[in-house]
Amino acid sequence: MIRLKAGYKPLLWMLAIPALNIFYVLLNNESGTVYNLAMPWDDRTPFWPLFIVPYLLWYPYVIGMLVLFCFRKRRVYYRTLLAICLGLVMSYLVYFFFQTTVPRPELSDRGLLHSLVAFVYATDAPFNCFPSIHVLTSYLVMKGMTDWRSPAGINHIAVQFMSWSIIASTLFVKQHVILDVAGAILLAEFVFFMAGRWLRSKDQPEPMTLAADRYGASGFGNATMKEE
């Protein structure tokens, strides 16, 4: 039982995500200068309510993939989770100093999909757009999967499909513009690299340990005495 509980303890680090999201709520408003990064290409992007489905599936998807990483490949779990947290912190700093918004379409239809879009619009103010958190985290899940499995595997393909569907959904439900997506992908690449580099540095043994492994316990002691 104790061993089982110990196996679940690393999942507690995921509580850092909702803790950091407090800042998302605090920053999600029209305070100070607000910028609009929409380009002509964004005006040509159609509004497709069907994409609200993958947009909403983002919540269980990211959490579910982190849980999977935790139990199947702990190193990938820590790297992906650390990258997400770093990405969130950097995103919130951008929101604080460079707040952006996205114009939303008028919703006239009362069908189920339009109702889901209306729910998202009502619960999430049109700010905190650059970079996109949906894109950041979905892209990092893909990076984590690539770090774990071969890109040719069926599981990897399924994760690619789901992540890119979520990324596309941010544009087709008019929650983000192209620059929001591009900025999030660049940020994801950066934080995933930094998270991996930091974790690798923690795995590096100290110089004295390397020497001890090389000479052996007694040999290293003899070498030290000779130097003295």
Protein backbone atom coordinates (compact mmCIF):
# COMPACT_ATOMS: atom_id res chain seq x y z
CA MET A 1 0.00 0.00 0.00
CA ILE A 2 2.84 2.40 0.89
CA ARG A 3 4.57 1.56 -2.36
CA LEU A 4 1.34 2.22 -4.29
CA LYS A 5 0.87 5.62 -2.65
CA ALA A 6 4.47 6.54 -3.43
CA GLY A 7 3.79 5.81 -7.10
CA TYR A 8 0.99 8.39 -7.14
CA LYS A 9 2.91 11.14 -5.35
CA PRO A 10 4.52 12.60 -8.51
CA LEU A 11 1.01 13.41 -9.75
CA LEU A 12 0.78 16.02 -7.00
CA TRP A 13 3.17 18.20 -9.00
CA MET A 14 0.32 18.70 -11.47
CA LEU A 15 -1.36 20.90 -8.85
CA ALA A 16 1.11 23.57 -9.96
CA ILE A 17 -1.02 24.05 -13.10
CA PRO A 18 -4.27 25.17 -11.38
CA ALA A 19 -2.18 27.19 -8.93
CA LEU A 20 -0.57 29.08 -11.82
CA ASN A 21 -3.94 29.47 -13.53
CA ILE A 22 -4.97 31.86 -10.79
CA PHE A 23 -2.85 34.45 -12.60
CA TYR A 24 -4.70 33.70 -15.85
CA VAL A 25 -7.97 34.67 -14.20
CA LEU A 26 -6.50 37.81 -12.67
CA LEU A 27 -5.03 38.95 -16.00
CA ASN A 28 -8.00 38.07 -18.22
CA ASN A 29 -9.42 41.58 -18.46
CA GLU A 30 -9.18 44.83 -20.36
CA SER A 31 -6.72 46.76 -18.21
CA GLY A 32 -4.38 49.25 -19.86
CA THR A 33 -3.58 49.12 -23.57
CA VAL A 34 -4.97 46.09 -25.41
CA TYR A 35 -3.60 45.07 -28.82
CA ASN A 36 -5.23 43.24 -31.72
CA LEU A 37 -2.81 41.01 -33.65
CA ALA A 38 -5.28 39.96 -36.33
CA MET A 39 -3.97 39.95 -39.91
CA PRO A 40 -5.82 39.73 -43.26
CA TRP A 41 -5.30 35.96 -43.21
CA ASP A 42 -7.24 35.78 -39.95
CA ASP A 43 -10.20 37.51 -41.58
CA ARG A 44 -10.20 34.74 -44.21
CA THR A 45 -10.19 31.98 -41.58
CA PRO A 46 -13.73 30.55 -41.45
CA PHE A 47 -15.75 30.16 -38.28
CA TRP A 48 -16.47 26.44 -37.87
CA PRO A 49 -18.45 25.65 -34.67
CA LEU A 50 -17.67 21.94 -35.05
CA PHE A 51 -14.14 22.64 -33.82
CA ILE A 52 -15.50 23.56 -30.40
CA VAL A 53 -15.42 19.80 -29.72
CA PRO A 54 -11.62 19.39 -29.81
CA TYR A 55 -11.30 22.81 -28.19
CA LEU A 56 -13.20 21.57 -25.12
CA LEU A 57 -11.51 18.16 -25.17
CA TRP A 58 -8.24 20.01 -24.52
CA TYR A 59 -8.92 19.98 -20.75
CA PRO A 60 -9.11 16.19 -20.20
CA TYR A 61 -6.62 15.55 -23.01
CA VAL A 62 -3.69 17.41 -21.49
CA ILE A 63 -4.34 16.09 -17.98
CA GLY A 64 -4.81 12.55 -19.26
CA MET A 65 -1.57 12.63 -21.23
CA LEU A 66 0.37 13.91 -18.23
CA VAL A 67 -1.01 11.06 -16.12
CA LEU A 68 -0.02 8.60 -18.86
CA PHE A 69 3.50 10.04 -19.00
CA CYS A 70 3.75 9.83 -15.22
CA PHE A 71 3.06 6.10 -15.09
CA ARG A 72 4.74 5.05 -18.32
CA LYS A 73 7.77 7.34 -18.66
CA ARG A 74 8.50 9.39 -15.56
CA ARG A 75 11.32 11.41 -17.15
CA VAL A 76 9.00 12.56 -19.96
CA TYR A 77 6.35 13.45 -17.38
CA TYR A 78 8.68 15.72 -15.45
CA ARG A 79 10.06 17.34 -18.58
CA THR A 80 6.62 18.01 -20.08
CA LEU A 81 5.12 19.24 -16.82
CA LEU A 82 8.08 21.51 -16.12
CA ALA A 83 7.88 22.89 -19.67
CA ILE A 84 4.15 23.58 -19.24
CA CYS A 85 4.75 25.44 -15.99
CA LEU A 86 7.59 27.48 -17.48
CA GLY A 87 5.42 28.24 -20.50
CA LEU A 88 2.54 29.37 -18.31
CA VAL A 89 4.75 31.70 -16.29
CA MET A 90 6.22 33.25 -19.44
CA SER A 91 2.77 33.56 -21.04
CA TYR A 92 1.39 35.35 -18.00
CA LEU A 93 4.30 37.77 -18.07
CA VAL A 94 3.44 38.54 -21.69
CA TYR A 95 -0.23 39.05 -20.78
CA PHE A 96 0.78 41.47 -18.04
CA PHE A 97 3.00 43.62 -20.27
CA PHE A 98 1.38 43.04 -23.67
CA GLN A 99 -2.32 42.27 -23.41
CA THR A 100 -4.09 41.23 -26.61
CA THR A 101 -7.65 40.49 -27.70
CA VAL A 102 -9.43 38.68 -30.53
CA PRO A 103 -12.66 39.90 -32.17
CA ARG A 104 -15.42 37.32 -31.90
CA PRO A 105 -18.26 36.66 -34.35
CA GLU A 106 -21.90 37.21 -33.54
CA LEU A 107 -23.65 33.94 -32.72
CA SER A 108 -27.09 33.76 -34.32
CA ASP A 109 -27.67 29.99 -34.51
CA ARG A 110 -28.99 28.24 -31.40
CA GLY A 111 -27.80 24.72 -32.18
CA LEU A 112 -25.78 22.58 -29.78
CA LEU A 113 -22.39 23.51 -31.24
CA HIS A 114 -23.19 27.22 -31.21
CA SER A 115 -24.38 26.87 -27.61
CA LEU A 116 -21.03 25.33 -26.67
CA VAL A 117 -19.20 28.19 -28.39
CA ALA A 118 -21.42 30.68 -26.57
CA PHE A 119 -20.56 28.95 -23.29
CA VAL A 120 -16.83 29.34 -23.97
CA TYR A 121 -17.28 32.98 -24.94
CA ALA A 122 -19.25 33.65 -21.75
CA THR A 123 -16.78 31.97 -19.41
CA ASP A 124 -13.53 33.09 -21.04
CA ALA A 125 -13.08 36.80 -21.73
CA PRO A 126 -11.45 37.63 -25.11
CA PHE A 127 -8.06 38.51 -23.62
CA ASN A 128 -4.85 36.61 -22.70
CA CYS A 129 -4.54 35.62 -26.34
CA PHE A 130 -0.85 35.88 -27.24
CA PRO A 131 0.51 33.26 -26.85
CA SER A 132 -2.28 30.68 -26.81
CA ILE A 133 -2.30 28.39 -23.78
CA HIS A 134 -4.29 25.78 -25.70
CA VAL A 135 -1.63 25.69 -28.39
CA LEU A 136 1.28 25.81 -25.94
CA THR A 137 0.15 22.83 -23.89
CA SER A 138 -1.10 20.74 -26.83
CA TYR A 139 2.19 21.24 -28.65
CA LEU A 140 4.13 20.30 -25.52
CA VAL A 141 2.16 17.07 -25.25
CA MET A 142 3.28 16.28 -28.79
CA LYS A 143 6.87 17.06 -27.85
CA GLY A 144 6.59 14.79 -24.84
CA MET A 145 5.17 11.97 -26.94
CA THR A 146 8.01 12.34 -29.44
CA ASP A 147 10.49 12.21 -26.57
CA TRP A 148 8.92 8.95 -25.41
CA ARG A 149 7.93 7.03 -28.53
CA SER A 150 8.91 6.67 -32.18
CA PRO A 151 7.12 9.19 -34.45
CA ALA A 152 6.01 6.26 -36.65
CA GLY A 153 3.93 4.57 -33.92
CA ILE A 154 0.12 4.58 -33.96
CA ASN A 155 -0.03 6.16 -30.50
CA HIS A 156 2.20 8.99 -31.64
CA ILE A 157 0.04 9.55 -34.72
CA ALA A 158 -3.09 9.69 -32.55
CA VAL A 159 -1.50 12.28 -30.27
CA GLN A 160 -0.38 14.31 -33.28
CA PHE A 161 -3.91 14.24 -34.68
CA MET A 162 -5.50 15.29 -31.40
CA SER A 163 -3.01 18.05 -30.65
CA TRP A 164 -3.20 19.56 -34.13
CA SER A 165 -7.01 19.38 -34.00
CA ILE A 166 -6.95 21.41 -30.79
CA ILE A 167 -4.44 23.87 -32.26
CA ALA A 168 -6.63 24.33 -35.37
CA SER A 169 -9.72 24.71 -33.20
CA THR A 170 -8.32 27.85 -31.57
CA LEU A 171 -8.46 29.52 -34.99
CA PHE A 172 -11.74 28.07 -36.25
CA VAL A 173 -13.75 29.00 -33.13
CA LYS A 174 -12.17 32.47 -33.23
CA GLN A 175 -10.47 32.24 -29.86
CA HIS A 176 -7.06 33.09 -31.32
CA VAL A 177 -5.32 34.46 -34.37
CA ILE A 178 -2.40 33.08 -36.36
CA LEU A 179 0.24 35.03 -34.44
CA ASP A 180 -1.11 33.61 -31.16
CA VAL A 181 -0.53 30.11 -32.53
CA ALA A 182 2.92 30.87 -33.94
CA GLY A 183 4.04 32.53 -30.70
CA ALA A 184 2.85 29.58 -28.62
CA ILE A 185 4.68 27.05 -30.80
CA LEU A 186 7.94 29.01 -30.59
CA LEU A 187 7.52 29.32 -26.82
CA ALA A 188 6.79 25.60 -26.51
CA GLU A 189 9.97 24.71 -28.39
CA PHE A 190 11.99 26.98 -26.11
CA VAL A 191 10.59 25.81 -22.77
CA PHE A 192 10.75 22.12 -23.74
CA PHE A 193 14.41 22.55 -24.64
CA MET A 194 15.13 24.41 -21.39
CA ALA A 195 13.24 21.86 -19.29
CA GLY A 196 15.21 19.02 -20.85
CA ARG A 197 18.48 20.82 -20.37
CA TRP A 198 17.74 21.57 -16.72
CA LEU A 199 16.70 17.99 -15.95
CA ARG A 200 19.79 16.61 -17.68
CA SER A 201 21.97 18.89 -15.57
CA LYS A 202 20.34 17.44 -12.46
CA ASP A 203 21.15 13.93 -13.67
CA GLN A 204 24.85 14.71 -14.11
CA PRO A 205 26.95 13.20 -11.27
CA GLU A 206 29.34 15.38 -9.36
CA PRO A 207 33.03 15.31 -10.45
CA MET A 208 34.04 13.47 -7.25
CA THR A 209 31.41 10.81 -7.98
CA LEU A 210 32.72 10.37 -11.50
CA ALA A 211 36.23 9.91 -10.17
CA ALA A 212 35.06 7.43 -7.56
CA ASP A 213 33.28 5.40 -10.23
CA ARG A 214 36.40 5.44 -12.38
CA TYR A 215 38.94 4.38 -9.76
CA GLY A 216 36.71 2.42 -7.43
CA ALA A 217 36.29 3.24 -3.74
CA SER A 218 39.74 2.02 -2.65
CA GLY A 219 41.52 3.10 -5.80
CA PHE A 220 40.13 6.61 -5.54
CA GLY A 221 41.23 6.81 -1.91
CA ASN A 222 44.73 5.71 -2.85
CA ALA A 223 44.89 8.25 -5.64
CA THR A 224 43.87 11.00 -3.24
CA MET A 225 46.53 10.02 -0.73
CA LYS A 226 49.23 10.01 -3.41
CA GLU A 227 48.24 13.54 -4.47
CA GLU A 228 48.59 14.69 -0.89
